[in-house]
Structure formats: C-alpha cells, structure tokens
Amino acid sequence: MYQFSYAEIVQDTCSEARMHERQAMERGIALLKIARDAGPESRETVEALHYVRSLWAILIEDLAGPENDLPEALRADLISIGLWVMKEVENIRFGRVTSFEDLIEINQTICEGLK
C-alpha cells in the first residue's frame, strides 16, 4: 500500500500544472512562429493571436487569484508581462506592429521559466 504525504501530493499537482502551462505556452509559441511565416494578415495569425491572448487571459486570472501560491512580487511581474503580451497581440492585430519576434521571445522566456 502506498502512502503519500500531503506535501508530496501537492508537489506532484504543482509539477503537473507547470507542465500543462509549459505545454500550452509551447503551443502558443509554435502558432506564433507559423503566423510569423504566414504573414500578419493570414488566418494563421488570427489563430495564433487568439490563442495567445486567451492563454494569457487565463494565466493572468490565475495569477490574480488569492489561491495562487507564487510570491506576490513574482505574480505582479508576471501579470505585467501578461498585460504587455495582450497589448502586443492587439498591436499586431491592428497592424501597428508587424514583427512577431518580441512576442515570441517573451513567451519563450516565460516558457523556459516553467521548466
């Protein structure tokens, strides 16, 4: 019979959550790269921007919640990054920015932090 401590179960749950967040982020990065290659007015761009914006909306909501265990300063920094990402998505969407590189780079940096 297996006996796990509460701390082990919580750690496993946190590790799984980070893995899922990383996978979602990796998908967003892949979509952004496809969109970059297809061009800012492509269907691929619409799909990538929608996905990334939705992903960050979920992440920001989680980060803002009182049940989030990350340190408050880190949560605030990640929320700020998320708001920048959402603004950059809108800039690309409305043609104010045509490069995907900054958006890809910041998402890659966050994704690497989830490893």
PDB file of N, CA and C in Angstrom:
ATOM      1  N   MET A   1       0.848  -1.176   0.000  1.00  0.00           N
ATOM      2  CA  MET A   1       0.000   0.000   0.000  1.00  0.00           C
ATOM      3  C   MET A   1       0.893   1.239   0.000  1.00  0.00           C
ATOM      4  N   TYR A   2       0.541   2.191  -0.842  1.00  0.00           N
ATOM      5  CA  TYR A   2       1.307   3.429  -0.948  1.00  0.00           C
ATOM      6  C   TYR A   2       0.765   4.470   0.008  1.00  0.00           C
ATOM      7  N   GLN A   3       1.677   5.158   0.626  1.00  0.00           N
ATOM      8  CA  GLN A   3       1.282   6.268   1.486  1.00  0.00           C
ATOM      9  C   GLN A   3       2.078   7.492   1.059  1.00  0.00           C
ATOM     10  N   PHE A   4       1.350   8.542   0.693  1.00  0.00           N
ATOM     11  CA  PHE A   4       1.986   9.772   0.267  1.00  0.00           C
ATOM     12  C   PHE A   4       1.658  10.864   1.273  1.00  0.00           C
ATOM     13  N   SER A   5       2.631  11.696   1.523  1.00  0.00           N
ATOM     14  CA  SER A   5       2.363  12.839   2.381  1.00  0.00           C
ATOM     15  C   SER A   5       1.610  13.889   1.575  1.00  0.00           C
ATOM     16  N   TYR A   6       0.935  14.746   2.272  1.00  0.00           N
ATOM     17  CA  TYR A   6       0.202  15.833   1.628  1.00  0.00           C
ATOM     18  C   TYR A   6       1.158  16.679   0.792  1.00  0.00           C
ATOM     19  N   ALA A   7       2.352  16.947   1.309  1.00  0.00           N
ATOM     20  CA  ALA A   7       3.341  17.762   0.599  1.00  0.00           C
ATOM     21  C   ALA A   7       3.734  17.116  -0.730  1.00  0.00           C
ATOM     22  N   GLU A   8       3.881  15.782  -0.750  1.00  0.00           N
ATOM     23  CA  GLU A   8       4.230  15.090  -1.990  1.00  0.00           C
ATOM     24  C   GLU A   8       3.108  15.196  -3.014  1.00  0.00           C
ATOM     25  N   ILE A   9       1.886  15.056  -2.567  1.00  0.00           N
ATOM     26  CA  ILE A   9       0.736  15.146  -3.466  1.00  0.00           C
ATOM     27  C   ILE A   9       0.622  16.559  -4.032  1.00  0.00           C
ATOM     28  N   VAL A  10       0.777  17.555  -3.174  1.00  0.00           N
ATOM     29  CA  VAL A  10       0.705  18.948  -3.621  1.00  0.00           C
ATOM     30  C   VAL A  10       1.825  19.242  -4.601  1.00  0.00           C
ATOM     31  N   GLN A  11       3.029  18.748  -4.318  1.00  0.00           N
ATOM     32  CA  GLN A  11       4.160  18.969  -5.214  1.00  0.00           C
ATOM     33  C   GLN A  11       3.898  18.343  -6.573  1.00  0.00           C
ATOM     34  N   ASP A  12       3.356  17.122  -6.592  1.00  0.00           N
ATOM     35  CA  ASP A  12       3.026  16.471  -7.854  1.00  0.00           C
ATOM     36  C   ASP A  12       1.996  17.291  -8.625  1.00  0.00           C
ATOM     37  N   THR A  13       0.995  17.792  -7.927  1.00  0.00           N
ATOM     38  CA  THR A  13      -0.048  18.587  -8.566  1.00  0.00           C
ATOM     39  C   THR A  13       0.539  19.866  -9.143  1.00  0.00           C
ATOM     40  N   CYS A  14       1.422  20.528  -8.403  1.00  0.00           N
ATOM     41  CA  CYS A  14       2.061  21.750  -8.888  1.00  0.00           C
ATOM     42  C   CYS A  14       2.945  21.456 -10.096  1.00  0.00           C
ATOM     43  N   SER A  15       3.673  20.354 -10.039  1.00  0.00           N
ATOM     44  CA  SER A  15       4.539  19.975 -11.158  1.00  0.00           C
ATOM     45  C   SER A  15       3.716  19.695 -12.412  1.00  0.00           C
ATOM     46  N   GLU A  16       2.596  19.013 -12.242  1.00  0.00           N
ATOM     47  CA  GLU A  16       1.723  18.729 -13.378  1.00  0.00           C
ATOM     48  C   GLU A  16       1.143  20.021 -13.949  1.00  0.00           C
ATOM     49  N   ALA A  17       0.754  20.938 -13.078  1.00  0.00           N
ATOM     50  CA  ALA A  17       0.197  22.214 -13.528  1.00  0.00           C
ATOM     51  C   ALA A  17       1.241  22.991 -14.324  1.00  0.00           C
ATOM     52  N   ARG A  18       2.471  23.038 -13.837  1.00  0.00           N
ATOM     53  CA  ARG A  18       3.542  23.732 -14.564  1.00  0.00           C
ATOM     54  C   ARG A  18       3.791  23.065 -15.914  1.00  0.00           C
ATOM     55  N   MET A  19       3.736  21.731 -15.946  1.00  0.00           N
ATOM     56  CA  MET A  19       3.940  21.016 -17.195  1.00  0.00           C
ATOM     57  C   MET A  19       2.851  21.401 -18.201  1.00  0.00           C
ATOM     58  N   HIS A  20       1.598  21.467 -17.741  1.00  0.00           N
ATOM     59  CA  HIS A  20       0.496  21.837 -18.632  1.00  0.00           C
ATOM     60  C   HIS A  20       0.628  23.286 -19.090  1.00  0.00           C
ATOM     61  N   GLU A  21       1.039  24.167 -18.182  1.00  0.00           N
ATOM     62  CA  GLU A  21       1.259  25.565 -18.554  1.00  0.00           C
ATOM     63  C   GLU A  21       2.365  25.661 -19.598  1.00  0.00           C
ATOM     64  N   ARG A  22       3.443  24.907 -19.394  1.00  0.00           N
ATOM     65  CA  ARG A  22       4.552  24.908 -20.349  1.00  0.00           C
ATOM     66  C   ARG A  22       4.097  24.388 -21.714  1.00  0.00           C
ATOM     67  N   GLN A  23       3.315  23.327 -21.719  1.00  0.00           N
ATOM     68  CA  GLN A  23       2.820  22.785 -22.987  1.00  0.00           C
ATOM     69  C   GLN A  23       1.926  23.790 -23.701  1.00  0.00           C
ATOM     70  N   ALA A  24       1.073  24.471 -22.952  1.00  0.00           N
ATOM     71  CA  ALA A  24       0.201  25.483 -23.548  1.00  0.00           C
ATOM     72  C   ALA A  24       1.035  26.626 -24.114  1.00  0.00           C
ATOM     73  N   MET A  25       2.069  27.032 -23.382  1.00  0.00           N
ATOM     74  CA  MET A  25       2.946  28.098 -23.838  1.00  0.00           C
ATOM     75  C   MET A  25       3.711  27.667 -25.090  1.00  0.00           C
ATOM     76  N   GLU A  26       4.198  26.433 -25.103  1.00  0.00           N
ATOM     77  CA  GLU A  26       4.911  25.912 -26.280  1.00  0.00           C
ATOM     78  C   GLU A  26       4.007  25.901 -27.507  1.00  0.00           C
ATOM     79  N   ARG A  27       2.752  25.553 -27.327  1.00  0.00           N
ATOM     80  CA  ARG A  27       1.792  25.578 -28.443  1.00  0.00           C
ATOM     81  C   ARG A  27       1.612  27.004 -28.954  1.00  0.00           C
ATOM     82  N   GLY A  28       1.493  27.956 -28.043  1.00  0.00           N
ATOM     83  CA  GLY A  28       1.360  29.352 -28.445  1.00  0.00           C
ATOM     84  C   GLY A  28       2.572  29.838 -29.224  1.00  0.00           C
ATOM     85  N   ILE A  29       3.758  29.469 -28.772  1.00  0.00           N
ATOM     86  CA  ILE A  29       4.993  29.853 -29.461  1.00  0.00           C
ATOM     87  C   ILE A  29       5.027  29.250 -30.856  1.00  0.00           C
ATOM     88  N   ALA A  30       4.664  27.979 -30.967  1.00  0.00           N
ATOM     89  CA  ALA A  30       4.638  27.318 -32.275  1.00  0.00           C
ATOM     90  C   ALA A  30       3.653  28.019 -33.214  1.00  0.00           C
ATOM     91  N   LEU A  31       2.478  28.371 -32.701  1.00  0.00           N
ATOM     92  CA  LEU A  31       1.486  29.072 -33.518  1.00  0.00           C
ATOM     93  C   LEU A  31       1.996  30.441 -33.947  1.00  0.00           C
ATOM     94  N   LEU A  32       2.686  31.141 -33.043  1.00  0.00           N
ATOM     95  CA  LEU A  32       3.240  32.453 -33.396  1.00  0.00           C
ATOM     96  C   LEU A  32       4.303  32.341 -34.486  1.00  0.00           C
ATOM     97  N   LYS A  33       5.095  31.303 -34.442  1.00  0.00           N
ATOM     98  CA  LYS A  33       6.121  31.107 -35.470  1.00  0.00           C
ATOM     99  C   LYS A  33       5.479  30.804 -36.821  1.00  0.00           C
ATOM    100  N   ILE A  34       4.446  30.006 -36.805  1.00  0.00           N
ATOM    101  CA  ILE A  34       3.715  29.719 -38.048  1.00  0.00           C
ATOM    102  C   ILE A  34       3.099  31.003 -38.587  1.00  0.00           C
ATOM    103  N   ALA A  35       2.518  31.803 -37.701  1.00  0.00           N
ATOM    104  CA  ALA A  35       1.896  33.073 -38.094  1.00  0.00           C
ATOM    105  C   ALA A  35       2.941  34.039 -38.655  1.00  0.00           C
ATOM    106  N   ARG A  36       4.092  34.095 -38.007  1.00  0.00           N
ATOM    107  CA  ARG A  36       5.178  34.960 -38.485  1.00  0.00           C
ATOM    108  C   ARG A  36       5.537  34.612 -39.927  1.00  0.00           C
ATOM    109  N   ASP A  37       5.635  33.312 -40.206  1.00  0.00           N
ATOM    110  CA  ASP A  37       5.998  32.866 -41.546  1.00  0.00           C
ATOM    111  C   ASP A  37       4.876  33.086 -42.555  1.00  0.00           C
ATOM    112  N   ALA A  38       3.632  33.040 -42.105  1.00  0.00           N
ATOM    113  CA  ALA A  38       2.481  33.202 -42.997  1.00  0.00           C
ATOM    114  C   ALA A  38       2.157  34.675 -43.256  1.00  0.00           C
ATOM    115  N   GLY A  39       2.571  35.553 -42.358  1.00  0.00           N
ATOM    116  CA  GLY A  39       2.322  36.979 -42.534  1.00  0.00           C
ATOM    117  C   GLY A  39       1.240  37.496 -41.614  1.00  0.00           C
ATOM    118  N   PRO A  40       1.292  38.808 -41.327  1.00  0.00           N
ATOM    119  CA  PRO A  40       0.394  39.397 -40.331  1.00  0.00           C
ATOM    120  C   PRO A  40      -1.086  39.409 -40.713  1.00  0.00           C
ATOM    121  N   GLU A  41      -1.408  39.226 -41.964  1.00  0.00           N
ATOM    122  CA  GLU A  41      -2.817  39.250 -42.375  1.00  0.00           C
ATOM    123  C   GLU A  41      -3.375  37.864 -42.682  1.00  0.00           C
ATOM    124  N   SER A  42      -2.667  36.843 -42.237  1.00  0.00           N
ATOM    125  CA  SER A  42      -3.065  35.469 -42.545  1.00  0.00           C
ATOM    126  C   SER A  42      -4.045  34.913 -41.515  1.00  0.00           C
ATOM    127  N   ARG A  43      -4.697  33.841 -41.913  1.00  0.00           N
ATOM    128  CA  ARG A  43      -5.572  33.110 -40.999  1.00  0.00           C
ATOM    129  C   ARG A  43      -4.763  32.546 -39.841  1.00  0.00           C
ATOM    130  N   GLU A  44      -3.528  32.137 -40.111  1.00  0.00           N
ATOM    131  CA  GLU A  44      -2.649  31.605 -39.080  1.00  0.00           C
ATOM    132  C   GLU A  44      -2.365  32.657 -37.998  1.00  0.00           C
ATOM    133  N   THR A  45      -2.253  33.897 -38.428  1.00  0.00           N
ATOM    134  CA  THR A  45      -2.024  34.975 -37.460  1.00  0.00           C
ATOM    135  C   THR A  45      -3.241  35.171 -36.572  1.00  0.00           C
ATOM    136  N   VAL A  46      -4.415  35.148 -37.163  1.00  0.00           N
ATOM    137  CA  VAL A  46      -5.645  35.283 -36.375  1.00  0.00           C
ATOM    138  C   VAL A  46      -5.713  34.174 -35.336  1.00  0.00           C
ATOM    139  N   GLU A  47      -5.441  32.947 -35.750  1.00  0.00           N
ATOM    140  CA  GLU A  47      -5.490  31.804 -34.834  1.00  0.00           C
ATOM    141  C   GLU A  47      -4.449  31.941 -33.721  1.00  0.00           C
ATOM    142  N   ALA A  48      -3.226  32.303 -34.090  1.00  0.00           N
ATOM    143  CA  ALA A  48      -2.149  32.424 -33.098  1.00  0.00           C
ATOM    144  C   ALA A  48      -2.444  33.529 -32.094  1.00  0.00           C
ATOM    145  N   LEU A  49      -2.877  34.670 -32.587  1.00  0.00           N
ATOM    146  CA  LEU A  49      -3.151  35.789 -31.687  1.00  0.00           C
ATOM    147  C   LEU A  49      -4.307  35.486 -30.753  1.00  0.00           C
ATOM    148  N   HIS A  50      -5.327  34.833 -31.269  1.00  0.00           N
ATOM    149  CA  HIS A  50      -6.463  34.452 -30.419  1.00  0.00           C
ATOM    150  C   HIS A  50      -6.010  33.479 -29.327  1.00  0.00           C
ATOM    151  N   TYR A  51      -5.219  32.502 -29.715  1.00  0.00           N
ATOM    152  CA  TYR A  51      -4.745  31.502 -28.758  1.00  0.00           C
ATOM    153  C   TYR A  51      -3.888  32.153 -27.669  1.00  0.00           C
ATOM    154  N   VAL A  52      -2.917  32.962 -28.076  1.00  0.00           N
ATOM    155  CA  VAL A  52      -2.001  33.581 -27.114  1.00  0.00           C
ATOM    156  C   VAL A  52      -2.752  34.536 -26.190  1.00  0.00           C
ATOM    157  N   ARG A  53      -3.665  35.305 -26.740  1.00  0.00           N
ATOM    158  CA  ARG A  53      -4.441  36.228 -25.909  1.00  0.00           C
ATOM    159  C   ARG A  53      -5.301  35.451 -24.904  1.00  0.00           C
ATOM    160  N   SER A  54      -5.940  34.397 -25.342  1.00  0.00           N
ATOM    161  CA  SER A  54      -6.767  33.581 -24.448  1.00  0.00           C
ATOM    162  C   SER A  54      -5.920  32.914 -23.368  1.00  0.00           C
ATOM    163  N   LEU A  55      -4.766  32.404 -23.749  1.00  0.00           N
ATOM    164  CA  LEU A  55      -3.863  31.763 -22.792  1.00  0.00           C
ATOM    165  C   LEU A  55      -3.446  32.748 -21.708  1.00  0.00           C
ATOM    166  N   TRP A  56      -3.035  33.925 -22.110  1.00  0.00           N
ATOM    167  CA  TRP A  56      -2.594  34.906 -21.126  1.00  0.00           C
ATOM    168  C   TRP A  56      -3.750  35.426 -20.279  1.00  0.00           C
ATOM    169  N   ALA A  57      -4.937  35.496 -20.830  1.00  0.00           N
ATOM    170  CA  ALA A  57      -6.098  35.894 -20.019  1.00  0.00           C
ATOM    171  C   ALA A  57      -6.314  34.892 -18.888  1.00  0.00           C
ATOM    172  N   ILE A  58      -6.179  33.613 -19.200  1.00  0.00           N
ATOM    173  CA  ILE A  58      -6.324  32.559 -18.184  1.00  0.00           C
ATOM    174  C   ILE A  58      -5.196  32.657 -17.159  1.00  0.00           C
ATOM    175  N   LEU A  59      -3.967  32.850 -17.637  1.00  0.00           N
ATOM    176  CA  LEU A  59      -2.824  32.938 -16.723  1.00  0.00           C
ATOM    177  C   LEU A  59      -2.948  34.143 -15.791  1.00  0.00           C
ATOM    178  N   ILE A  60      -3.338  35.287 -16.348  1.00  0.00           N
ATOM    179  CA  ILE A  60      -3.492  36.497 -15.530  1.00  0.00           C
ATOM    180  C   ILE A  60      -4.572  36.295 -14.476  1.00  0.00           C
ATOM    181  N   GLU A  61      -5.673  35.686 -14.878  1.00  0.00           N
ATOM    182  CA  GLU A  61      -6.747  35.425 -13.908  1.00  0.00           C
ATOM    183  C   GLU A  61      -6.246  34.535 -12.778  1.00  0.00           C
ATOM    184  N   ASP A  62      -5.479  33.503 -13.129  1.00  0.00           N
ATOM    185  CA  ASP A  62      -4.928  32.614 -12.106  1.00  0.00           C
ATOM    186  C   ASP A  62      -3.935  33.352 -11.211  1.00  0.00           C
ATOM    187  N   LEU A  63      -3.071  34.148 -11.819  1.00  0.00           N
ATOM    188  CA  LEU A  63      -2.076  34.884 -11.046  1.00  0.00           C
ATOM    189  C   LEU A  63      -2.710  35.892 -10.091  1.00  0.00           C
ATOM    190  N   ALA A  64      -3.832  36.449 -10.480  1.00  0.00           N
ATOM    191  CA  ALA A  64      -4.506  37.454  -9.654  1.00  0.00           C
ATOM    192  C   ALA A  64      -5.319  36.840  -8.523  1.00  0.00           C
ATOM    193  N   GLY A  65      -5.559  35.543  -8.592  1.00  0.00           N
ATOM    194  CA  GLY A  65      -6.388  34.877  -7.588  1.00  0.00           C
ATOM    195  C   GLY A  65      -5.673  34.726  -6.254  1.00  0.00           C
ATOM    196  N   PRO A  66      -6.413  34.815  -5.173  1.00  0.00           N
ATOM    197  CA  PRO A  66      -5.817  34.707  -3.834  1.00  0.00           C
ATOM    198  C   PRO A  66      -5.255  33.311  -3.537  1.00  0.00           C
ATOM    199  N   GLU A  67      -5.705  32.303  -4.260  1.00  0.00           N
ATOM    200  CA  GLU A  67      -5.229  30.941  -4.004  1.00  0.00           C
ATOM    201  C   GLU A  67      -3.896  30.646  -4.688  1.00  0.00           C
ATOM    202  N   ASN A  68      -3.402  31.570  -5.524  1.00  0.00           N
ATOM    203  CA  ASN A  68      -2.116  31.379  -6.195  1.00  0.00           C
ATOM    204  C   ASN A  68      -0.999  31.504  -5.154  1.00  0.00           C
ATOM    205  N   ASP A  69      -0.123  30.497  -5.107  1.00  0.00           N
ATOM    206  CA  ASP A  69       0.908  30.427  -4.073  1.00  0.00           C
ATOM    207  C   ASP A  69       2.228  31.091  -4.441  1.00  0.00           C
ATOM    208  N   LEU A  70       2.330  31.636  -5.637  1.00  0.00           N
ATOM    209  CA  LEU A  70       3.573  32.314  -6.004  1.00  0.00           C
ATOM    210  C   LEU A  70       3.752  33.569  -5.152  1.00  0.00           C
ATOM    211  N   PRO A  71       4.997  33.966  -4.938  1.00  0.00           N
ATOM    212  CA  PRO A  71       5.232  35.211  -4.193  1.00  0.00           C
ATOM    213  C   PRO A  71       4.545  36.393  -4.883  1.00  0.00           C
ATOM    214  N   GLU A  72       4.047  37.309  -4.084  1.00  0.00           N
ATOM    215  CA  GLU A  72       3.259  38.419  -4.602  1.00  0.00           C
ATOM    216  C   GLU A  72       4.025  39.244  -5.646  1.00  0.00           C
ATOM    217  N   ALA A  73       5.297  39.502  -5.421  1.00  0.00           N
ATOM    218  CA  ALA A  73       6.088  40.299  -6.370  1.00  0.00           C
ATOM    219  C   ALA A  73       6.217  39.577  -7.717  1.00  0.00           C
ATOM    220  N   LEU A  74       6.432  38.267  -7.680  1.00  0.00           N
ATOM    221  CA  LEU A  74       6.533  37.492  -8.913  1.00  0.00           C
ATOM    222  C   LEU A  74       5.201  37.489  -9.657  1.00  0.00           C
ATOM    223  N   ARG A  75       4.124  37.326  -8.913  1.00  0.00           N
ATOM    224  CA  ARG A  75       2.792  37.361  -9.523  1.00  0.00           C
ATOM    225  C   ARG A  75       2.566  38.700 -10.215  1.00  0.00           C
ATOM    226  N   ALA A  76       2.929  39.786  -9.546  1.00  0.00           N
ATOM    227  CA  ALA A  76       2.750  41.121 -10.123  1.00  0.00           C
ATOM    228  C   ALA A  76       3.585  41.278 -11.393  1.00  0.00           C
ATOM    229  N   ASP A  77       4.821  40.793 -11.364  1.00  0.00           N
ATOM    230  CA  ASP A  77       5.681  40.872 -12.555  1.00  0.00           C
ATOM    231  C   ASP A  77       5.089  40.077 -13.718  1.00  0.00           C
ATOM    232  N   LEU A  78       4.606  38.873 -13.422  1.00  0.00           N
ATOM    233  CA  LEU A  78       4.021  38.037 -14.481  1.00  0.00           C
ATOM    234  C   LEU A  78       2.727  38.640 -15.027  1.00  0.00           C
ATOM    235  N   ILE A  79       1.943  39.254 -14.168  1.00  0.00           N
ATOM    236  CA  ILE A  79       0.731  39.929 -14.632  1.00  0.00           C
ATOM    237  C   ILE A  79       1.112  41.086 -15.556  1.00  0.00           C
ATOM    238  N   SER A  80       2.136  41.848 -15.194  1.00  0.00           N
ATOM    239  CA  SER A  80       2.597  42.946 -16.047  1.00  0.00           C
ATOM    240  C   SER A  80       3.055  42.434 -17.407  1.00  0.00           C
ATOM    241  N   ILE A  81       3.789  41.339 -17.396  1.00  0.00           N
ATOM    242  CA  ILE A  81       4.227  40.733 -18.661  1.00  0.00           C
ATOM    243  C   ILE A  81       3.014  40.293 -19.474  1.00  0.00           C
ATOM    244  N   GLY A  82       2.060  39.668 -18.805  1.00  0.00           N
ATOM    245  CA  GLY A  82       0.845  39.223 -19.493  1.00  0.00           C
ATOM    246  C   GLY A  82       0.074  40.372 -20.117  1.00  0.00           C
ATOM    247  N   LEU A  83      -0.014  41.475 -19.407  1.00  0.00           N
ATOM    248  CA  LEU A  83      -0.705  42.644 -19.962  1.00  0.00           C
ATOM    249  C   LEU A  83       0.045  43.199 -21.170  1.00  0.00           C
ATOM    250  N   TRP A  84       1.384  43.183 -21.100  1.00  0.00           N
ATOM    251  CA  TRP A  84       2.177  43.610 -22.255  1.00  0.00           C
ATOM    252  C   TRP A  84       1.924  42.682 -23.443  1.00  0.00           C
ATOM    253  N   VAL A  85       1.898  41.376 -23.191  1.00  0.00           N
ATOM    254  CA  VAL A  85       1.648  40.398 -24.258  1.00  0.00           C
ATOM    255  C   VAL A  85       0.288  40.685 -24.915  1.00  0.00           C
ATOM    256  N   MET A  86      -0.710  40.910 -24.096  1.00  0.00           N
ATOM    257  CA  MET A  86      -2.048  41.159 -24.644  1.00  0.00           C
ATOM    258  C   MET A  86      -2.073  42.458 -25.461  1.00  0.00           C
ATOM    259  N   LYS A  87      -1.349  43.467 -25.008  1.00  0.00           N
ATOM    260  CA  LYS A  87      -1.267  44.720 -25.761  1.00  0.00           C
ATOM    261  C   LYS A  87      -0.532  44.505 -27.084  1.00  0.00           C
ATOM    262  N   GLU A  88       0.539  43.732 -27.047  1.00  0.00           N
ATOM    263  CA  GLU A  88       1.302  43.450 -28.268  1.00  0.00           C
ATOM    264  C   GLU A  88       0.470  42.640 -29.263  1.00  0.00           C
ATOM    265  N   VAL A  89      -0.331  41.715 -28.751  1.00  0.00           N
ATOM    266  CA  VAL A  89      -1.251  40.965 -29.616  1.00  0.00           C
ATOM    267  C   VAL A  89      -2.172  41.938 -30.350  1.00  0.00           C
ATOM    268  N   GLU A  90      -2.719  42.889 -29.619  1.00  0.00           N
ATOM    269  CA  GLU A  90      -3.613  43.881 -30.237  1.00  0.00           C
ATOM    270  C   GLU A  90      -2.855  44.763 -31.226  1.00  0.00           C
ATOM    271  N   ASN A  91      -1.620  45.110 -30.912  1.00  0.00           N
ATOM    272  CA  ASN A  91      -0.817  45.909 -31.845  1.00  0.00           C
ATOM    273  C   ASN A  91      -0.600  45.177 -33.156  1.00  0.00           C
ATOM    274  N   ILE A  92      -0.320  43.900 -33.093  1.00  0.00           N
ATOM    275  CA  ILE A  92      -0.159  43.103 -34.320  1.00  0.00           C
ATOM    276  C   ILE A  92      -1.496  42.987 -35.035  1.00  0.00           C
ATOM    277  N   ARG A  93      -2.515  42.715 -34.267  1.00  0.00           N
ATOM    278  CA  ARG A  93      -3.853  42.534 -34.848  1.00  0.00           C
ATOM    279  C   ARG A  93      -4.304  43.754 -35.645  1.00  0.00           C
ATOM    280  N   PHE A  94      -4.000  44.941 -35.138  1.00  0.00           N
ATOM    281  CA  PHE A  94      -4.433  46.166 -35.804  1.00  0.00           C
ATOM    282  C   PHE A  94      -3.369  46.764 -36.716  1.00  0.00           C
ATOM    283  N   GLY A  95      -2.281  46.028 -36.942  1.00  0.00           N
ATOM    284  CA  GLY A  95      -1.270  46.460 -37.895  1.00  0.00           C
ATOM    285  C   GLY A  95      -0.315  47.530 -37.386  1.00  0.00           C
ATOM    286  N   ARG A  96      -0.350  47.846 -36.105  1.00  0.00           N
ATOM    287  CA  ARG A  96       0.575  48.839 -35.548  1.00  0.00           C
ATOM    288  C   ARG A  96       1.980  48.259 -35.398  1.00  0.00           C
ATOM    289  N   VAL A  97       2.051  46.930 -35.310  1.00  0.00           N
ATOM    290  CA  VAL A  97       3.323  46.201 -35.232  1.00  0.00           C
ATOM    291  C   VAL A  97       3.224  45.049 -36.215  1.00  0.00           C
ATOM    292  N   THR A  98       4.299  44.805 -36.960  1.00  0.00           N
ATOM    293  CA  THR A  98       4.265  43.706 -37.932  1.00  0.00           C
ATOM    294  C   THR A  98       5.208  42.564 -37.574  1.00  0.00           C
ATOM    295  N   SER A  99       6.082  42.791 -36.593  1.00  0.00           N
ATOM    296  CA  SER A  99       7.033  41.754 -36.200  1.00  0.00           C
ATOM    297  C   SER A  99       6.481  40.937 -35.036  1.00  0.00           C
ATOM    298  N   PHE A 100       6.679  39.648 -35.127  1.00  0.00           N
ATOM    299  CA  PHE A 100       6.263  38.723 -34.072  1.00  0.00           C
ATOM    300  C   PHE A 100       7.404  38.422 -33.095  1.00  0.00           C
ATOM    301  N   GLU A 101       8.599  38.917 -33.401  1.00  0.00           N
ATOM    302  CA  GLU A 101       9.786  38.495 -32.662  1.00  0.00           C
ATOM    303  C   GLU A 101       9.732  38.797 -31.167  1.00  0.00           C
ATOM    304  N   ASP A 102       9.318  39.992 -30.779  1.00  0.00           N
ATOM    305  CA  ASP A 102       9.256  40.311 -29.349  1.00  0.00           C
ATOM    306  C   ASP A 102       8.243  39.424 -28.631  1.00  0.00           C
ATOM    307  N   LEU A 103       7.121  39.204 -29.277  1.00  0.00           N
ATOM    308  CA  LEU A 103       6.079  38.360 -28.694  1.00  0.00           C
ATOM    309  C   LEU A 103       6.564  36.920 -28.533  1.00  0.00           C
ATOM    310  N   ILE A 104       7.239  36.416 -29.535  1.00  0.00           N
ATOM    311  CA  ILE A 104       7.791  35.061 -29.463  1.00  0.00           C
ATOM    312  C   ILE A 104       8.849  34.983 -28.367  1.00  0.00           C
ATOM    313  N   GLU A 105       9.740  35.971 -28.332  1.00  0.00           N
ATOM    314  CA  GLU A 105      10.839  35.957 -27.366  1.00  0.00           C
ATOM    315  C   GLU A 105      10.340  35.986 -25.918  1.00  0.00           C
ATOM    316  N   ILE A 106       9.402  36.840 -25.617  1.00  0.00           N
ATOM    317  CA  ILE A 106       8.930  36.931 -24.226  1.00  0.00           C
ATOM    318  C   ILE A 106       8.198  35.650 -23.818  1.00  0.00           C
ATOM    319  N   ASN A 107       7.436  35.070 -24.738  1.00  0.00           N
ATOM    320  CA  ASN A 107       6.751  33.812 -24.433  1.00  0.00           C
ATOM    321  C   ASN A 107       7.753  32.679 -24.246  1.00  0.00           C
ATOM    322  N   GLN A 108       8.835  32.672 -25.036  1.00  0.00           N
ATOM    323  CA  GLN A 108       9.864  31.651 -24.862  1.00  0.00           C
ATOM    324  C   GLN A 108      10.549  31.788 -23.504  1.00  0.00           C
ATOM    325  N   THR A 109      10.806  33.014 -23.095  1.00  0.00           N
ATOM    326  CA  THR A 109      11.446  33.258 -21.806  1.00  0.00           C
ATOM    327  C   THR A 109      10.572  32.748 -20.662  1.00  0.00           C
ATOM    328  N   ILE A 110       9.283  33.054 -20.723  1.00  0.00           N
ATOM    329  CA  ILE A 110       8.364  32.580 -19.690  1.00  0.00           C
ATOM    330  C   ILE A 110       8.281  31.063 -19.716  1.00  0.00           C
ATOM    331  N   CYS A 111       8.211  30.494 -20.901  1.00  0.00           N
ATOM    332  CA  CYS A 111       8.132  29.041 -21.051  1.00  0.00           C
ATOM    333  C   CYS A 111       9.355  28.355 -20.442  1.00  0.00           C
ATOM    334  N   GLU A 112      10.525  28.906 -20.663  1.00  0.00           N
ATOM    335  CA  GLU A 112      11.747  28.336 -20.098  1.00  0.00           C
ATOM    336  C   GLU A 112      11.713  28.383 -18.576  1.00  0.00           C
ATOM    337  N   GLY A 113      11.086  29.409 -18.019  1.00  0.00           N
ATOM    338  CA  GLY A 113      10.952  29.517 -16.577  1.00  0.00           C
ATOM    339  C   GLY A 113      10.019  28.474 -15.976  1.00  0.00           C
ATOM    340  N   LEU A 114       9.209  27.856 -16.801  1.00  0.00           N
ATOM    341  CA  LEU A 114       8.278  26.828 -16.320  1.00  0.00           C
ATOM    342  C   LEU A 114       8.902  25.441 -16.281  1.00  0.00           C
ATOM    343  N   LYS A 115      10.141  25.313 -16.743  1.00  0.00           N
ATOM    344  CA  LYS A 115      10.808  24.006 -16.755  1.00  0.00           C
ATOM    345  C   LYS A 115      11.295  23.619 -15.391  1.00  0.00           C
TER     346      LYS A 115
END
